[in-house]
Amino acid sequence: MTYKKVQEYVKRKYNFSVKSCWIAHIKELNGIKMKQAPNRLSSTERKYPCPEEKILVVKNAMKKFGLI
């Protein structure tokens, strides 16, 4: 549910869509351990990492909703 709130908030405020894999990537960058998704191809690489220019916006939205 919280991923959805982050996605809706960013869409409304910054007018771009956030992929759930970007949220997972930012969680990982902030040291939050997560289970590996069954559809993830590699344990060391991300197919769709969060773009550098969007990390700060998504990270701030995640802080707002208590994900990090």
PDB file of N, CA and C in Angstrom:
ATOM      1  N   MET A   1       0.823  -1.196   0.000  1.00  0.00           N
ATOM      2  CA  MET A   1       0.000   0.000   0.000  1.00  0.00           C
ATOM      3  C   MET A   1       0.868   1.261   0.000  1.00  0.00           C
ATOM      4  N   THR A   2       1.960   1.263   0.728  1.00  0.00           N
ATOM      5  CA  THR A   2       2.783   2.468   0.819  1.00  0.00           C
ATOM      6  C   THR A   2       3.485   2.752  -0.503  1.00  0.00           C
ATOM      7  N   TYR A   3       3.896   1.717  -1.217  1.00  0.00           N
ATOM      8  CA  TYR A   3       4.508   1.935  -2.544  1.00  0.00           C
ATOM      9  C   TYR A   3       3.522   2.731  -3.398  1.00  0.00           C
ATOM     10  N   LYS A   4       2.268   2.351  -3.335  1.00  0.00           N
ATOM     11  CA  LYS A   4       1.227   3.006  -4.134  1.00  0.00           C
ATOM     12  C   LYS A   4       1.105   4.476  -3.745  1.00  0.00           C
ATOM     13  N   LYS A   5       1.178   4.768  -2.448  1.00  0.00           N
ATOM     14  CA  LYS A   5       1.101   6.161  -1.990  1.00  0.00           C
ATOM     15  C   LYS A   5       2.267   6.976  -2.535  1.00  0.00           C
ATOM     16  N   VAL A   6       3.459   6.408  -2.506  1.00  0.00           N
ATOM     17  CA  VAL A   6       4.644   7.093  -3.038  1.00  0.00           C
ATOM     18  C   VAL A   6       4.442   7.348  -4.525  1.00  0.00           C
ATOM     19  N   GLN A   7       3.990   6.343  -5.254  1.00  0.00           N
ATOM     20  CA  GLN A   7       3.782   6.484  -6.695  1.00  0.00           C
ATOM     21  C   GLN A   7       2.735   7.567  -7.010  1.00  0.00           C
ATOM     22  N   GLU A   8       1.640   7.578  -6.268  1.00  0.00           N
ATOM     23  CA  GLU A   8       0.589   8.578  -6.491  1.00  0.00           C
ATOM     24  C   GLU A   8       1.082   9.980  -6.147  1.00  0.00           C
ATOM     25  N   TYR A   9       1.811  10.110  -5.046  1.00  0.00           N
ATOM     26  CA  TYR A   9       2.330  11.405  -4.611  1.00  0.00           C
ATOM     27  C   TYR A   9       3.281  11.989  -5.659  1.00  0.00           C
ATOM     28  N   VAL A  10       4.226  11.189  -6.129  1.00  0.00           N
ATOM     29  CA  VAL A  10       5.199  11.669  -7.110  1.00  0.00           C
ATOM     30  C   VAL A  10       4.491  12.013  -8.424  1.00  0.00           C
ATOM     31  N   LYS A  11       3.551  11.199  -8.836  1.00  0.00           N
ATOM     32  CA  LYS A  11       2.807  11.464 -10.077  1.00  0.00           C
ATOM     33  C   LYS A  11       2.064  12.794  -9.980  1.00  0.00           C
ATOM     34  N   ARG A  12       1.416  13.027  -8.842  1.00  0.00           N
ATOM     35  CA  ARG A  12       0.638  14.244  -8.645  1.00  0.00           C
ATOM     36  C   ARG A  12       1.539  15.482  -8.545  1.00  0.00           C
ATOM     37  N   LYS A  13       2.632  15.372  -7.782  1.00  0.00           N
ATOM     38  CA  LYS A  13       3.472  16.540  -7.505  1.00  0.00           C
ATOM     39  C   LYS A  13       4.517  16.814  -8.591  1.00  0.00           C
ATOM     40  N   TYR A  14       5.106  15.760  -9.173  1.00  0.00           N
ATOM     41  CA  TYR A  14       6.219  15.940 -10.116  1.00  0.00           C
ATOM     42  C   TYR A  14       5.896  15.484 -11.535  1.00  0.00           C
ATOM     43  N   ASN A  15       4.709  14.907 -11.718  1.00  0.00           N
ATOM     44  CA  ASN A  15       4.216  14.513 -13.033  1.00  0.00           C
ATOM     45  C   ASN A  15       5.084  13.474 -13.758  1.00  0.00           C
ATOM     46  N   PHE A  16       5.587  12.494 -13.011  1.00  0.00           N
ATOM     47  CA  PHE A  16       6.195  11.326 -13.652  1.00  0.00           C
ATOM     48  C   PHE A  16       5.853  10.095 -12.835  1.00  0.00           C
ATOM     49  N   SER A  17       5.854   8.957 -13.486  1.00  0.00           N
ATOM     50  CA  SER A  17       5.493   7.703 -12.832  1.00  0.00           C
ATOM     51  C   SER A  17       6.722   7.024 -12.252  1.00  0.00           C
ATOM     52  N   VAL A  18       6.533   6.433 -11.079  1.00  0.00           N
ATOM     53  CA  VAL A  18       7.601   5.726 -10.375  1.00  0.00           C
ATOM     54  C   VAL A  18       7.338   4.228 -10.472  1.00  0.00           C
ATOM     55  N   LYS A  19       8.338   3.484 -10.911  1.00  0.00           N
ATOM     56  CA  LYS A  19       8.225   2.030 -10.947  1.00  0.00           C
ATOM     57  C   LYS A  19       8.495   1.485  -9.546  1.00  0.00           C
ATOM     58  N   SER A  20       7.820   0.408  -9.195  1.00  0.00           N
ATOM     59  CA  SER A  20       8.034  -0.181  -7.877  1.00  0.00           C
ATOM     60  C   SER A  20       9.474  -0.677  -7.719  1.00  0.00           C
ATOM     61  N   CYS A  21      10.110  -1.069  -8.820  1.00  0.00           N
ATOM     62  CA  CYS A  21      11.502  -1.518  -8.745  1.00  0.00           C
ATOM     63  C   CYS A  21      12.435  -0.352  -8.396  1.00  0.00           C
ATOM     64  N   TRP A  22      12.051   0.883  -8.732  1.00  0.00           N
ATOM     65  CA  TRP A  22      12.851   2.048  -8.335  1.00  0.00           C
ATOM     66  C   TRP A  22      12.797   2.216  -6.821  1.00  0.00           C
ATOM     67  N   ILE A  23      11.616   2.012  -6.245  1.00  0.00           N
ATOM     68  CA  ILE A  23      11.462   2.129  -4.790  1.00  0.00           C
ATOM     69  C   ILE A  23      12.314   1.066  -4.103  1.00  0.00           C
ATOM     70  N   ALA A  24      12.273  -0.150  -4.620  1.00  0.00           N
ATOM     71  CA  ALA A  24      13.092  -1.231  -4.058  1.00  0.00           C
ATOM     72  C   ALA A  24      14.577  -0.902  -4.181  1.00  0.00           C
ATOM     73  N   HIS A  25      14.985  -0.320  -5.287  1.00  0.00           N
ATOM     74  CA  HIS A  25      16.381   0.056  -5.497  1.00  0.00           C
ATOM     75  C   HIS A  25      16.813   1.102  -4.470  1.00  0.00           C
ATOM     76  N   ILE A  26      15.989   2.097  -4.224  1.00  0.00           N
ATOM     77  CA  ILE A  26      16.327   3.136  -3.254  1.00  0.00           C
ATOM     78  C   ILE A  26      16.361   2.569  -1.843  1.00  0.00           C
ATOM     79  N   LYS A  27      15.458   1.651  -1.532  1.00  0.00           N
ATOM     80  CA  LYS A  27      15.513   0.981  -0.229  1.00  0.00           C
ATOM     81  C   LYS A  27      16.856   0.272  -0.066  1.00  0.00           C
ATOM     82  N   GLU A  28      17.269  -0.426  -1.100  1.00  0.00           N
ATOM     83  CA  GLU A  28      18.545  -1.143  -1.075  1.00  0.00           C
ATOM     84  C   GLU A  28      19.716  -0.173  -0.899  1.00  0.00           C
ATOM     85  N   LEU A  29      19.667   0.962  -1.600  1.00  0.00           N
ATOM     86  CA  LEU A  29      20.725   1.973  -1.478  1.00  0.00           C
ATOM     87  C   LEU A  29      20.815   2.544  -0.067  1.00  0.00           C
ATOM     88  N   ASN A  30      19.710   2.502   0.659  1.00  0.00           N
ATOM     89  CA  ASN A  30      19.668   3.024   2.018  1.00  0.00           C
ATOM     90  C   ASN A  30      19.837   1.938   3.078  1.00  0.00           C
ATOM     91  N   GLY A  31      20.298   0.776   2.654  1.00  0.00           N
ATOM     92  CA  GLY A  31      20.639  -0.288   3.594  1.00  0.00           C
ATOM     93  C   GLY A  31      19.486  -1.109   4.119  1.00  0.00           C
ATOM     94  N   ILE A  32      18.344  -1.017   3.503  1.00  0.00           N
ATOM     95  CA  ILE A  32      17.192  -1.803   3.941  1.00  0.00           C
ATOM     96  C   ILE A  32      17.225  -3.143   3.228  1.00  0.00           C
ATOM     97  N   LYS A  33      17.321  -4.211   3.998  1.00  0.00           N
ATOM     98  CA  LYS A  33      17.367  -5.560   3.440  1.00  0.00           C
ATOM     99  C   LYS A  33      15.974  -5.971   2.981  1.00  0.00           C
ATOM    100  N   MET A  34      15.937  -6.563   1.814  1.00  0.00           N
ATOM    101  CA  MET A  34      14.672  -7.003   1.252  1.00  0.00           C
ATOM    102  C   MET A  34      14.820  -8.417   0.707  1.00  0.00           C
ATOM    103  N   LYS A  35      13.701  -9.111   0.615  1.00  0.00           N
ATOM    104  CA  LYS A  35      13.714 -10.421  -0.036  1.00  0.00           C
ATOM    105  C   LYS A  35      13.905 -10.209  -1.528  1.00  0.00           C
ATOM    106  N   GLN A  36      14.477 -11.187  -2.168  1.00  0.00           N
ATOM    107  CA  GLN A  36      14.638 -11.097  -3.613  1.00  0.00           C
ATOM    108  C   GLN A  36      13.348 -11.532  -4.295  1.00  0.00           C
ATOM    109  N   ALA A  37      12.880 -10.715  -5.217  1.00  0.00           N
ATOM    110  CA  ALA A  37      11.656 -11.030  -5.960  1.00  0.00           C
ATOM    111  C   ALA A  37      11.880 -12.282  -6.808  1.00  0.00           C
ATOM    112  N   PRO A  38      10.883 -13.138  -6.907  1.00  0.00           N
ATOM    113  CA  PRO A  38      11.049 -14.366  -7.678  1.00  0.00           C
ATOM    114  C   PRO A  38      11.294 -14.120  -9.166  1.00  0.00           C
ATOM    115  N   ASN A  39      10.878 -12.970  -9.668  1.00  0.00           N
ATOM    116  CA  ASN A  39      11.071 -12.686 -11.089  1.00  0.00           C
ATOM    117  C   ASN A  39      12.358 -11.905 -11.368  1.00  0.00           C
ATOM    118  N   ARG A  40      13.165 -11.655 -10.341  1.00  0.00           N
ATOM    119  CA  ARG A  40      14.417 -10.926 -10.539  1.00  0.00           C
ATOM    120  C   ARG A  40      15.442 -11.857 -11.180  1.00  0.00           C
ATOM    121  N   LEU A  41      16.066 -11.381 -12.240  1.00  0.00           N
ATOM    122  CA  LEU A  41      16.956 -12.226 -13.030  1.00  0.00           C
ATOM    123  C   LEU A  41      18.327 -12.424 -12.380  1.00  0.00           C
ATOM    124  N   SER A  42      18.840 -11.397 -11.711  1.00  0.00           N
ATOM    125  CA  SER A  42      20.168 -11.466 -11.120  1.00  0.00           C
ATOM    126  C   SER A  42      20.132 -10.927  -9.694  1.00  0.00           C
ATOM    127  N   SER A  43      20.884 -11.543  -8.815  1.00  0.00           N
ATOM    128  CA  SER A  43      20.907 -11.056  -7.430  1.00  0.00           C
ATOM    129  C   SER A  43      21.831  -9.855  -7.267  1.00  0.00           C
ATOM    130  N   THR A  44      22.679  -9.585  -8.251  1.00  0.00           N
ATOM    131  CA  THR A  44      23.631  -8.484  -8.138  1.00  0.00           C
ATOM    132  C   THR A  44      23.308  -7.289  -9.032  1.00  0.00           C
ATOM    133  N   GLU A  45      22.512  -7.491 -10.058  1.00  0.00           N
ATOM    134  CA  GLU A  45      22.181  -6.413 -10.990  1.00  0.00           C
ATOM    135  C   GLU A  45      20.688  -6.156 -11.020  1.00  0.00           C
ATOM    136  N   ARG A  46      20.348  -4.911 -11.274  1.00  0.00           N
ATOM    137  CA  ARG A  46      18.946  -4.539 -11.441  1.00  0.00           C
ATOM    138  C   ARG A  46      18.690  -4.254 -12.913  1.00  0.00           C
ATOM    139  N   LYS A  47      17.599  -4.781 -13.418  1.00  0.00           N
ATOM    140  CA  LYS A  47      17.253  -4.545 -14.812  1.00  0.00           C
ATOM    141  C   LYS A  47      16.820  -3.091 -15.006  1.00  0.00           C
ATOM    142  N   TYR A  48      16.079  -2.558 -14.029  1.00  0.00           N
ATOM    143  CA  TYR A  48      15.604  -1.176 -14.102  1.00  0.00           C
ATOM    144  C   TYR A  48      15.941  -0.425 -12.813  1.00  0.00           C
ATOM    145  N   PRO A  49      17.192  -0.006 -12.657  1.00  0.00           N
ATOM    146  CA  PRO A  49      17.522   0.787 -11.460  1.00  0.00           C
ATOM    147  C   PRO A  49      16.880   2.174 -11.572  1.00  0.00           C
ATOM    148  N   CYS A  50      16.708   2.825 -10.453  1.00  0.00           N
ATOM    149  CA  CYS A  50      16.137   4.175 -10.462  1.00  0.00           C
ATOM    150  C   CYS A  50      17.111   5.125 -11.158  1.00  0.00           C
ATOM    151  N   PRO A  51      16.641   5.907 -12.114  1.00  0.00           N
ATOM    152  CA  PRO A  51      17.525   6.859 -12.793  1.00  0.00           C
ATOM    153  C   PRO A  51      18.109   7.875 -11.804  1.00  0.00           C
ATOM    154  N   GLU A  52      19.371   8.210 -11.997  1.00  0.00           N
ATOM    155  CA  GLU A  52      20.078   9.131 -11.097  1.00  0.00           C
ATOM    156  C   GLU A  52      19.312  10.423 -10.862  1.00  0.00           C
ATOM    157  N   GLU A  53      18.728  10.980 -11.911  1.00  0.00           N
ATOM    158  CA  GLU A  53      18.067  12.275 -11.796  1.00  0.00           C
ATOM    159  C   GLU A  53      16.749  12.211 -11.029  1.00  0.00           C
ATOM    160  N   LYS A  54      16.259  11.003 -10.748  1.00  0.00           N
ATOM    161  CA  LYS A  54      14.979  10.862 -10.042  1.00  0.00           C
ATOM    162  C   LYS A  54      15.144  10.313  -8.633  1.00  0.00           C
ATOM    163  N   ILE A  55      16.344   9.911  -8.269  1.00  0.00           N
ATOM    164  CA  ILE A  55      16.578   9.303  -6.954  1.00  0.00           C
ATOM    165  C   ILE A  55      16.173  10.237  -5.827  1.00  0.00           C
ATOM    166  N   LEU A  56      16.583  11.492  -5.870  1.00  0.00           N
ATOM    167  CA  LEU A  56      16.301  12.426  -4.776  1.00  0.00           C
ATOM    168  C   LEU A  56      14.802  12.653  -4.596  1.00  0.00           C
ATOM    169  N   VAL A  57      14.070  12.818  -5.685  1.00  0.00           N
ATOM    170  CA  VAL A  57      12.626  13.038  -5.602  1.00  0.00           C
ATOM    171  C   VAL A  57      11.940  11.825  -4.978  1.00  0.00           C
ATOM    172  N   VAL A  58      12.277  10.643  -5.476  1.00  0.00           N
ATOM    173  CA  VAL A  58      11.649   9.419  -4.976  1.00  0.00           C
ATOM    174  C   VAL A  58      12.053   9.182  -3.520  1.00  0.00           C
ATOM    175  N   LYS A  59      13.307   9.421  -3.199  1.00  0.00           N
ATOM    176  CA  LYS A  59      13.792   9.237  -1.825  1.00  0.00           C
ATOM    177  C   LYS A  59      13.045  10.157  -0.856  1.00  0.00           C
ATOM    178  N   ASN A  60      12.848  11.401  -1.232  1.00  0.00           N
ATOM    179  CA  ASN A  60      12.119  12.331  -0.371  1.00  0.00           C
ATOM    180  C   ASN A  60      10.659  11.909  -0.191  1.00  0.00           C
ATOM    181  N   ALA A  61      10.041  11.406  -1.245  1.00  0.00           N
ATOM    182  CA  ALA A  61       8.668  10.909  -1.141  1.00  0.00           C
ATOM    183  C   ALA A  61       8.612   9.689  -0.212  1.00  0.00           C
ATOM    184  N   MET A  62       9.617   8.836  -0.302  1.00  0.00           N
ATOM    185  CA  MET A  62       9.658   7.650   0.559  1.00  0.00           C
ATOM    186  C   MET A  62       9.822   8.054   2.020  1.00  0.00           C
ATOM    187  N   LYS A  63      10.619   9.072   2.282  1.00  0.00           N
ATOM    188  CA  LYS A  63      10.774   9.583   3.648  1.00  0.00           C
ATOM    189  C   LYS A  63       9.442  10.122   4.168  1.00  0.00           C
ATOM    190  N   LYS A  64       8.737  10.819   3.312  1.00  0.00           N
ATOM    191  CA  LYS A  64       7.435  11.401   3.692  1.00  0.00           C
ATOM    192  C   LYS A  64       6.461  10.315   4.176  1.00  0.00           C
ATOM    193  N   PHE A  65       6.527   9.141   3.548  1.00  0.00           N
ATOM    194  CA  PHE A  65       5.599   8.063   3.906  1.00  0.00           C
ATOM    195  C   PHE A  65       6.235   7.009   4.824  1.00  0.00           C
ATOM    196  N   GLY A  66       7.427   7.277   5.322  1.00  0.00           N
ATOM    197  CA  GLY A  66       8.048   6.410   6.319  1.00  0.00           C
ATOM    198  C   GLY A  66       8.647   5.118   5.800  1.00  0.00           C
ATOM    199  N   LEU A  67       8.960   5.054   4.506  1.00  0.00           N
ATOM    200  CA  LEU A  67       9.588   3.853   3.977  1.00  0.00           C
ATOM    201  C   LEU A  67      11.087   3.792   4.283  1.00  0.00           C
ATOM    202  N   ILE A  68      11.691   4.949   4.437  1.00  0.00           N
ATOM    203  CA  ILE A  68      13.109   5.003   4.814  1.00  0.00           C
ATOM    204  C   ILE A  68      13.295   6.040   5.905  1.00  0.00           C
TER     205      ILE A  68
END
